[in-house]
PDB file of N, CA and C in Angstrom:
ATOM      1  N   MET A   1      49.682 -81.993 -10.404  1.00  0.00           N
ATOM      2  CA  MET A   1      50.777 -81.152 -10.740  1.00  0.00           C
ATOM      3  C   MET A   1      52.016 -81.628  -9.853  1.00  0.00           C
ATOM      4  N   GLU A   2      53.153 -81.754 -10.406  1.00  0.00           N
ATOM      5  CA  GLU A   2      54.295 -82.114  -9.669  1.00  0.00           C
ATOM      6  C   GLU A   2      54.692 -81.068  -8.626  1.00  0.00           C
ATOM      7  N   TYR A   3      55.173 -81.515  -7.487  1.00  0.00           N
ATOM      8  CA  TYR A   3      55.584 -80.438  -6.430  1.00  0.00           C
ATOM      9  C   TYR A   3      56.440 -79.384  -7.012  1.00  0.00           C
ATOM     10  N   SER A   4      57.570 -79.817  -7.696  1.00  0.00           N
ATOM     11  CA  SER A   4      58.492 -78.709  -8.211  1.00  0.00           C
ATOM     12  C   SER A   4      57.856 -77.776  -9.110  1.00  0.00           C
ATOM     13  N   LYS A   5      56.909 -78.192  -9.868  1.00  0.00           N
ATOM     14  CA  LYS A   5      56.177 -77.329 -10.814  1.00  0.00           C
ATOM     15  C   LYS A   5      55.241 -76.297 -10.164  1.00  0.00           C
ATOM     16  N   ILE A   6      54.881 -76.592  -8.892  1.00  0.00           N
ATOM     17  CA  ILE A   6      54.078 -75.685  -8.099  1.00  0.00           C
ATOM     18  C   ILE A   6      54.831 -74.474  -7.679  1.00  0.00           C
ATOM     19  N   TYR A   7      56.107 -74.628  -7.144  1.00  0.00           N
ATOM     20  CA  TYR A   7      56.805 -73.381  -6.784  1.00  0.00           C
ATOM     21  C   TYR A   7      57.380 -72.623  -8.004  1.00  0.00           C
ATOM     22  N   VAL A   8      57.632 -73.298  -9.073  1.00  0.00           N
ATOM     23  CA  VAL A   8      57.987 -72.655 -10.390  1.00  0.00           C
ATOM     24  C   VAL A   8      56.848 -71.810 -10.783  1.00  0.00           C
ATOM     25  N   LYS A   9      55.560 -72.349 -10.708  1.00  0.00           N
ATOM     26  CA  LYS A   9      54.486 -71.532 -11.095  1.00  0.00           C
ATOM     27  C   LYS A   9      54.354 -70.252 -10.196  1.00  0.00           C
ATOM     28  N   ARG A  10      54.662 -70.470  -8.925  1.00  0.00           N
ATOM     29  CA  ARG A  10      54.540 -69.383  -8.074  1.00  0.00           C
ATOM     30  C   ARG A  10      55.647 -68.342  -8.317  1.00  0.00           C
ATOM     31  N   ILE A  11      56.784 -68.676  -8.672  1.00  0.00           N
ATOM     32  CA  ILE A  11      57.869 -67.692  -9.061  1.00  0.00           C
ATOM     33  C   ILE A  11      57.446 -66.968 -10.272  1.00  0.00           C
ATOM     34  N   ARG A  12      56.979 -67.674 -11.325  1.00  0.00           N
ATOM     35  CA  ARG A  12      56.506 -67.056 -12.543  1.00  0.00           C
ATOM     36  C   ARG A  12      55.385 -66.073 -12.298  1.00  0.00           C
ATOM     37  N   GLN A  13      54.394 -66.480 -11.460  1.00  0.00           N
ATOM     38  CA  GLN A  13      53.279 -65.672 -11.180  1.00  0.00           C
ATOM     39  C   GLN A  13      53.702 -64.289 -10.516  1.00  0.00           C
ATOM     40  N   LEU A  14      54.577 -64.442  -9.515  1.00  0.00           N
ATOM     41  CA  LEU A  14      55.040 -63.233  -8.824  1.00  0.00           C
ATOM     42  C   LEU A  14      55.931 -62.387  -9.699  1.00  0.00           C
ATOM     43  N   CYS A  15      56.677 -63.014 -10.573  1.00  0.00           N
ATOM     44  CA  CYS A  15      57.441 -62.163 -11.543  1.00  0.00           C
ATOM     45  C   CYS A  15      56.461 -61.403 -12.406  1.00  0.00           C
ATOM     46  N   ARG A  16      55.479 -62.089 -12.962  1.00  0.00           N
ATOM     47  CA  ARG A  16      54.523 -61.346 -13.838  1.00  0.00           C
ATOM     48  C   ARG A  16      53.849 -60.231 -13.094  1.00  0.00           C
ATOM     49  N   GLU A  17      53.408 -60.494 -11.876  1.00  0.00           N
ATOM     50  CA  GLU A  17      52.685 -59.506 -11.103  1.00  0.00           C
ATOM     51  C   GLU A  17      53.525 -58.344 -10.856  1.00  0.00           C
ATOM     52  N   ARG A  18      54.871 -58.502 -10.620  1.00  0.00           N
ATOM     53  CA  ARG A  18      55.738 -57.405 -10.292  1.00  0.00           C
ATOM     54  C   ARG A  18      56.533 -56.875 -11.480  1.00  0.00           C
ATOM     55  N   GLY A  19      56.371 -57.434 -12.625  1.00  0.00           N
ATOM     56  CA  GLY A  19      57.073 -56.988 -13.787  1.00  0.00           C
ATOM     57  C   GLY A  19      58.513 -57.336 -13.755  1.00  0.00           C
ATOM     58  N   PHE A  20      58.986 -58.373 -13.158  1.00  0.00           N
ATOM     59  CA  PHE A  20      60.346 -58.886 -13.115  1.00  0.00           C
ATOM     60  C   PHE A  20      60.611 -59.914 -14.186  1.00  0.00           C
ATOM     61  N   ALA A  21      61.767 -59.812 -14.744  1.00  0.00           N
ATOM     62  CA  ALA A  21      62.278 -60.873 -15.612  1.00  0.00           C
ATOM     63  C   ALA A  21      63.023 -61.798 -14.633  1.00  0.00           C
ATOM     64  N   ILE A  22      63.141 -63.010 -15.050  1.00  0.00           N
ATOM     65  CA  ILE A  22      63.880 -64.056 -14.215  1.00  0.00           C
ATOM     66  C   ILE A  22      65.286 -63.562 -13.860  1.00  0.00           C
ATOM     67  N   ASN A  23      65.977 -62.976 -14.898  1.00  0.00           N
ATOM     68  CA  ASN A  23      67.350 -62.510 -14.544  1.00  0.00           C
ATOM     69  C   ASN A  23      67.364 -61.424 -13.555  1.00  0.00           C
ATOM     70  N   LYS A  24      66.361 -60.514 -13.635  1.00  0.00           N
ATOM     71  CA  LYS A  24      66.273 -59.467 -12.643  1.00  0.00           C
ATOM     72  C   LYS A  24      66.011 -60.011 -11.254  1.00  0.00           C
ATOM     73  N   LEU A  25      65.189 -61.015 -11.116  1.00  0.00           N
ATOM     74  CA  LEU A  25      64.878 -61.743  -9.884  1.00  0.00           C
ATOM     75  C   LEU A  25      66.152 -62.394  -9.315  1.00  0.00           C
ATOM     76  N   ALA A  26      66.864 -63.017 -10.169  1.00  0.00           N
ATOM     77  CA  ALA A  26      68.124 -63.644  -9.736  1.00  0.00           C
ATOM     78  C   ALA A  26      69.108 -62.641  -9.113  1.00  0.00           C
ATOM     79  N   LYS A  27      69.262 -61.448  -9.875  1.00  0.00           N
ATOM     80  CA  LYS A  27      70.104 -60.371  -9.321  1.00  0.00           C
ATOM     81  C   LYS A  27      69.642 -59.856  -8.022  1.00  0.00           C
ATOM     82  N   MET A  28      68.283 -59.618  -7.906  1.00  0.00           N
ATOM     83  CA  MET A  28      67.712 -59.038  -6.758  1.00  0.00           C
ATOM     84  C   MET A  28      67.881 -60.049  -5.526  1.00  0.00           C
ATOM     85  N   ALA A  29      67.726 -61.381  -5.877  1.00  0.00           N
ATOM     86  CA  ALA A  29      67.921 -62.382  -4.779  1.00  0.00           C
ATOM     87  C   ALA A  29      69.296 -62.724  -4.407  1.00  0.00           C
ATOM     88  N   GLY A  30      70.271 -62.216  -5.225  1.00  0.00           N
ATOM     89  CA  GLY A  30      71.698 -62.509  -4.968  1.00  0.00           C
ATOM     90  C   GLY A  30      72.059 -63.935  -5.277  1.00  0.00           C
ATOM     91  N   ILE A  31      71.350 -64.589  -6.225  1.00  0.00           N
ATOM     92  CA  ILE A  31      71.691 -65.941  -6.605  1.00  0.00           C
ATOM     93  C   ILE A  31      72.112 -65.901  -8.053  1.00  0.00           C
ATOM     94  N   ASN A  32      72.900 -67.004  -8.397  1.00  0.00           N
ATOM     95  CA  ASN A  32      73.345 -67.137  -9.833  1.00  0.00           C
ATOM     96  C   ASN A  32      72.081 -67.180 -10.744  1.00  0.00           C
ATOM     97  N   GLN A  33      72.173 -66.535 -11.858  1.00  0.00           N
ATOM     98  CA  GLN A  33      71.042 -66.669 -12.853  1.00  0.00           C
ATOM     99  C   GLN A  33      70.822 -68.058 -13.248  1.00  0.00           C
ATOM    100  N   SER A  34      71.958 -68.841 -13.394  1.00  0.00           N
ATOM    101  CA  SER A  34      71.913 -70.198 -13.867  1.00  0.00           C
ATOM    102  C   SER A  34      71.215 -71.076 -12.807  1.00  0.00           C
ATOM    103  N   THR A  35      71.323 -70.745 -11.502  1.00  0.00           N
ATOM    104  CA  THR A  35      70.576 -71.453 -10.462  1.00  0.00           C
ATOM    105  C   THR A  35      69.165 -71.223 -10.585  1.00  0.00           C
ATOM    106  N   LEU A  36      68.685 -69.969 -10.800  1.00  0.00           N
ATOM    107  CA  LEU A  36      67.288 -69.671 -10.887  1.00  0.00           C
ATOM    108  C   LEU A  36      66.738 -70.270 -12.215  1.00  0.00           C
ATOM    109  N   ASP A  37      67.561 -70.170 -13.289  1.00  0.00           N
ATOM    110  CA  ASP A  37      67.060 -70.726 -14.619  1.00  0.00           C
ATOM    111  C   ASP A  37      66.846 -72.176 -14.420  1.00  0.00           C
ATOM    112  N   ASN A  38      67.735 -72.932 -13.722  1.00  0.00           N
ATOM    113  CA  ASN A  38      67.601 -74.411 -13.586  1.00  0.00           C
ATOM    114  C   ASN A  38      66.311 -74.714 -12.800  1.00  0.00           C
ATOM    115  N   ILE A  39      66.031 -73.900 -11.822  1.00  0.00           N
ATOM    116  CA  ILE A  39      64.791 -74.139 -11.035  1.00  0.00           C
ATOM    117  C   ILE A  39      63.547 -73.919 -11.897  1.00  0.00           C
ATOM    118  N   VAL A  40      63.555 -72.755 -12.635  1.00  0.00           N
ATOM    119  CA  VAL A  40      62.358 -72.384 -13.360  1.00  0.00           C
ATOM    120  C   VAL A  40      62.223 -73.348 -14.603  1.00  0.00           C
ATOM    121  N   ARG A  41      63.277 -73.938 -15.136  1.00  0.00           N
ATOM    122  CA  ARG A  41      63.202 -74.848 -16.275  1.00  0.00           C
ATOM    123  C   ARG A  41      62.899 -76.280 -15.806  1.00  0.00           C
ATOM    124  N   GLY A  42      62.888 -76.500 -14.458  1.00  0.00           N
ATOM    125  CA  GLY A  42      62.584 -77.822 -13.966  1.00  0.00           C
ATOM    126  C   GLY A  42      63.818 -78.725 -13.868  1.00  0.00           C
ATOM    127  N   LEU A  43      65.002 -78.231 -14.149  1.00  0.00           N
ATOM    128  CA  LEU A  43      66.117 -79.071 -13.965  1.00  0.00           C
ATOM    129  C   LEU A  43      66.577 -79.320 -12.484  1.00  0.00           C
ATOM    130  N   THR A  44      66.345 -78.328 -11.724  1.00  0.00           N
ATOM    131  CA  THR A  44      66.505 -78.469 -10.241  1.00  0.00           C
ATOM    132  C   THR A  44      65.181 -78.670  -9.663  1.00  0.00           C
ATOM    133  N   LYS A  45      64.847 -79.884  -9.158  1.00  0.00           N
ATOM    134  CA  LYS A  45      63.561 -80.168  -8.674  1.00  0.00           C
ATOM    135  C   LYS A  45      63.338 -79.855  -7.159  1.00  0.00           C
ATOM    136  N   ASP A  46      64.467 -79.909  -6.431  1.00  0.00           N
ATOM    137  CA  ASP A  46      64.456 -79.657  -5.020  1.00  0.00           C
ATOM    138  C   ASP A  46      65.406 -78.593  -4.580  1.00  0.00           C
ATOM    139  N   PRO A  47      65.142 -77.362  -4.773  1.00  0.00           N
ATOM    140  CA  PRO A  47      66.060 -76.311  -4.502  1.00  0.00           C
ATOM    141  C   PRO A  47      66.255 -76.132  -2.994  1.00  0.00           C
ATOM    142  N   ARG A  48      67.454 -75.684  -2.614  1.00  0.00           N
ATOM    143  CA  ARG A  48      67.599 -75.466  -1.154  1.00  0.00           C
ATOM    144  C   ARG A  48      66.671 -74.490  -0.557  1.00  0.00           C
ATOM    145  N   VAL A  49      66.353 -74.571   0.658  1.00  0.00           N
ATOM    146  CA  VAL A  49      65.545 -73.674   1.394  1.00  0.00           C
ATOM    147  C   VAL A  49      66.103 -72.279   1.431  1.00  0.00           C
ATOM    148  N   ALA A  50      67.435 -72.253   1.499  1.00  0.00           N
ATOM    149  CA  ALA A  50      68.157 -70.966   1.497  1.00  0.00           C
ATOM    150  C   ALA A  50      67.965 -70.284   0.224  1.00  0.00           C
ATOM    151  N   THR A  51      67.918 -70.908  -0.919  1.00  0.00           N
ATOM    152  CA  THR A  51      67.593 -70.441  -2.158  1.00  0.00           C
ATOM    153  C   THR A  51      66.299 -69.836  -2.301  1.00  0.00           C
ATOM    154  N   LEU A  52      65.234 -70.702  -1.902  1.00  0.00           N
ATOM    155  CA  LEU A  52      63.945 -70.147  -1.968  1.00  0.00           C
ATOM    156  C   LEU A  52      63.718 -68.963  -0.951  1.00  0.00           C
ATOM    157  N   HIS A  53      64.430 -68.980   0.143  1.00  0.00           N
ATOM    158  CA  HIS A  53      64.324 -67.869   1.085  1.00  0.00           C
ATOM    159  C   HIS A  53      64.833 -66.549   0.478  1.00  0.00           C
ATOM    160  N   LYS A  54      65.900 -66.648  -0.278  1.00  0.00           N
ATOM    161  CA  LYS A  54      66.487 -65.468  -1.033  1.00  0.00           C
ATOM    162  C   LYS A  54      65.527 -65.008  -2.109  1.00  0.00           C
ATOM    163  N   VAL A  55      64.903 -65.932  -2.729  1.00  0.00           N
ATOM    164  CA  VAL A  55      63.809 -65.567  -3.811  1.00  0.00           C
ATOM    165  C   VAL A  55      62.718 -64.879  -3.112  1.00  0.00           C
ATOM    166  N   ALA A  56      62.259 -65.396  -2.001  1.00  0.00           N
ATOM    167  CA  ALA A  56      61.161 -64.765  -1.221  1.00  0.00           C
ATOM    168  C   ALA A  56      61.572 -63.332  -0.774  1.00  0.00           C
ATOM    169  N   LEU A  57      62.725 -63.217  -0.284  1.00  0.00           N
ATOM    170  CA  LEU A  57      63.104 -61.805   0.154  1.00  0.00           C
ATOM    171  C   LEU A  57      63.193 -60.899  -1.048  1.00  0.00           C
ATOM    172  N   ALA A  58      63.596 -61.335  -2.203  1.00  0.00           N
ATOM    173  CA  ALA A  58      63.560 -60.484  -3.353  1.00  0.00           C
ATOM    174  C   ALA A  58      62.202 -60.056  -3.699  1.00  0.00           C
ATOM    175  N   PHE A  59      61.169 -60.808  -3.381  1.00  0.00           N
ATOM    176  CA  PHE A  59      59.753 -60.455  -3.630  1.00  0.00           C
ATOM    177  C   PHE A  59      59.247 -59.675  -2.360  1.00  0.00           C
ATOM    178  N   ASN A  60      60.125 -59.332  -1.451  1.00  0.00           N
ATOM    179  CA  ASN A  60      59.715 -58.642  -0.268  1.00  0.00           C
ATOM    180  C   ASN A  60      58.706 -59.477   0.565  1.00  0.00           C
ATOM    181  N   MET A  61      58.963 -60.701   0.661  1.00  0.00           N
ATOM    182  CA  MET A  61      57.995 -61.603   1.374  1.00  0.00           C
ATOM    183  C   MET A  61      58.947 -62.519   2.362  1.00  0.00           C
ATOM    184  N   THR A  62      58.343 -63.017   3.348  1.00  0.00           N
ATOM    185  CA  THR A  62      58.943 -63.984   4.130  1.00  0.00           C
ATOM    186  C   THR A  62      58.865 -65.255   3.389  1.00  0.00           C
ATOM    187  N   LEU A  63      59.775 -66.305   3.731  1.00  0.00           N
ATOM    188  CA  LEU A  63      59.539 -67.564   3.080  1.00  0.00           C
ATOM    189  C   LEU A  63      58.265 -68.158   3.450  1.00  0.00           C
ATOM    190  N   ALA A  64      57.634 -67.988   4.575  1.00  0.00           N
ATOM    191  CA  ALA A  64      56.288 -68.499   4.846  1.00  0.00           C
ATOM    192  C   ALA A  64      55.235 -67.835   3.944  1.00  0.00           C
ATOM    193  N   GLU A  65      55.427 -66.563   3.672  1.00  0.00           N
ATOM    194  CA  GLU A  65      54.433 -65.875   2.798  1.00  0.00           C
ATOM    195  C   GLU A  65      54.587 -66.354   1.410  1.00  0.00           C
ATOM    196  N   PHE A  66      55.802 -66.618   1.003  1.00  0.00           N
ATOM    197  CA  PHE A  66      56.119 -67.066  -0.424  1.00  0.00           C
ATOM    198  C   PHE A  66      55.432 -68.515  -0.561  1.00  0.00           C
ATOM    199  N   LEU A  67      55.578 -69.364   0.408  1.00  0.00           N
ATOM    200  CA  LEU A  67      55.054 -70.686   0.333  1.00  0.00           C
ATOM    201  C   LEU A  67      53.618 -70.863   0.725  1.00  0.00           C
ATOM    202  N   ASP A  68      52.909 -69.757   1.127  1.00  0.00           N
ATOM    203  CA  ASP A  68      51.603 -69.824   1.444  1.00  0.00           C
ATOM    204  C   ASP A  68      50.654 -69.443   0.312  1.00  0.00           C
ATOM    205  N   PHE A  69      50.324 -70.472  -0.534  1.00  0.00           N
ATOM    206  CA  PHE A  69      49.374 -70.252  -1.601  1.00  0.00           C
ATOM    207  C   PHE A  69      48.596 -71.615  -1.853  1.00  0.00           C
ATOM    208  N   ASP A  70      47.469 -71.466  -2.394  1.00  0.00           N
ATOM    209  CA  ASP A  70      46.488 -72.562  -2.517  1.00  0.00           C
ATOM    210  C   ASP A  70      47.077 -73.802  -3.174  1.00  0.00           C
ATOM    211  N   GLU A  71      47.725 -73.697  -4.292  1.00  0.00           N
ATOM    212  CA  GLU A  71      48.253 -74.875  -4.881  1.00  0.00           C
ATOM    213  C   GLU A  71      49.201 -75.699  -4.024  1.00  0.00           C
ATOM    214  N   LEU A  72      50.089 -74.974  -3.311  1.00  0.00           N
ATOM    215  CA  LEU A  72      51.044 -75.724  -2.453  1.00  0.00           C
ATOM    216  C   LEU A  72      50.383 -76.194  -1.114  1.00  0.00           C
ATOM    217  N   ASN A  73      49.443 -75.400  -0.647  1.00  0.00           N
ATOM    218  CA  ASN A  73      48.677 -75.853   0.619  1.00  0.00           C
ATOM    219  C   ASN A  73      47.804 -77.057   0.301  1.00  0.00           C
ATOM    220  N   ASP A  74      47.274 -77.155  -0.922  1.00  0.00           N
ATOM    221  CA  ASP A  74      46.474 -78.248  -1.204  1.00  0.00           C
ATOM    222  C   ASP A  74      47.139 -79.514  -1.706  1.00  0.00           C
ATOM    223  N   TYR A  75      48.506 -79.373  -1.897  1.00  0.00           N
ATOM    224  CA  TYR A  75      49.240 -80.452  -2.418  1.00  0.00           C
ATOM    225  C   TYR A  75      49.252 -81.648  -1.362  1.00  0.00           C
ATOM    226  N   SER A  76      49.348 -82.913  -1.924  1.00  0.00           N
ATOM    227  CA  SER A  76      49.440 -84.067  -1.052  1.00  0.00           C
ATOM    228  C   SER A  76      50.509 -84.916  -1.512  1.00  0.00           C
ATOM    229  N   PHE A  77      51.480 -85.146  -0.655  1.00  0.00           N
ATOM    230  CA  PHE A  77      52.681 -86.018  -1.028  1.00  0.00           C
ATOM    231  C   PHE A  77      52.191 -87.445  -1.115  1.00  0.00           C
ATOM    232  N   GLU A  78      51.088 -87.780  -0.623  1.00  0.00           N
ATOM    233  CA  GLU A  78      50.521 -89.133  -0.731  1.00  0.00           C
ATOM    234  C   GLU A  78      50.138 -89.493  -2.272  1.00  0.00           C
ATOM    235  N   ASP A  79      49.934 -88.469  -2.942  1.00  0.00           N
ATOM    236  CA  ASP A  79      49.598 -88.694  -4.396  1.00  0.00           C
ATOM    237  C   ASP A  79      50.749 -88.964  -5.278  1.00  0.00           C
ATOM    238  N   GLU A  80      52.059 -88.829  -4.741  1.00  0.00           N
ATOM    239  CA  GLU A  80      53.222 -89.032  -5.480  1.00  0.00           C
ATOM    240  C   GLU A  80      53.488 -90.470  -5.506  1.00  0.00           C
ATOM    241  N   SER A  81      53.946 -90.987  -6.659  1.00  0.00           N
ATOM    242  CA  SER A  81      54.297 -92.443  -6.729  1.00  0.00           C
ATOM    243  C   SER A  81      55.773 -92.574  -6.252  1.00  0.00           C
ATOM    244  N   ASP A  82      56.133 -93.603  -5.491  1.00  0.00           N
ATOM    245  CA  ASP A  82      57.520 -93.834  -5.231  1.00  0.00           C
ATOM    246  C   ASP A  82      58.286 -94.170  -6.419  1.00  0.00           C
ATOM    247  N   GLU A  83      59.441 -93.508  -6.426  1.00  0.00           N
ATOM    248  CA  GLU A  83      60.274 -93.738  -7.659  1.00  0.00           C
ATOM    249  C   GLU A  83      61.479 -94.521  -7.217  1.00  0.00           C
TER     250      GLU A  83
END
């Protein structure tokens, strides 16, 4: 799985668990809905850390907690091909 798809999966999972729509998450995080839409749709592959931090806070998590999950922890950058 691509790195960018891993954190999109995390966002979608947390939204499902908490009953949030993406637009509600964007509002709670204080970011533009288009910014979050672009991340979730895969158009923005490398979101800024500040953006992910705001998303984490909207989930009432630290950035470390948001990024601490199996798929991301098991990811290896060595598996990526150089483009």
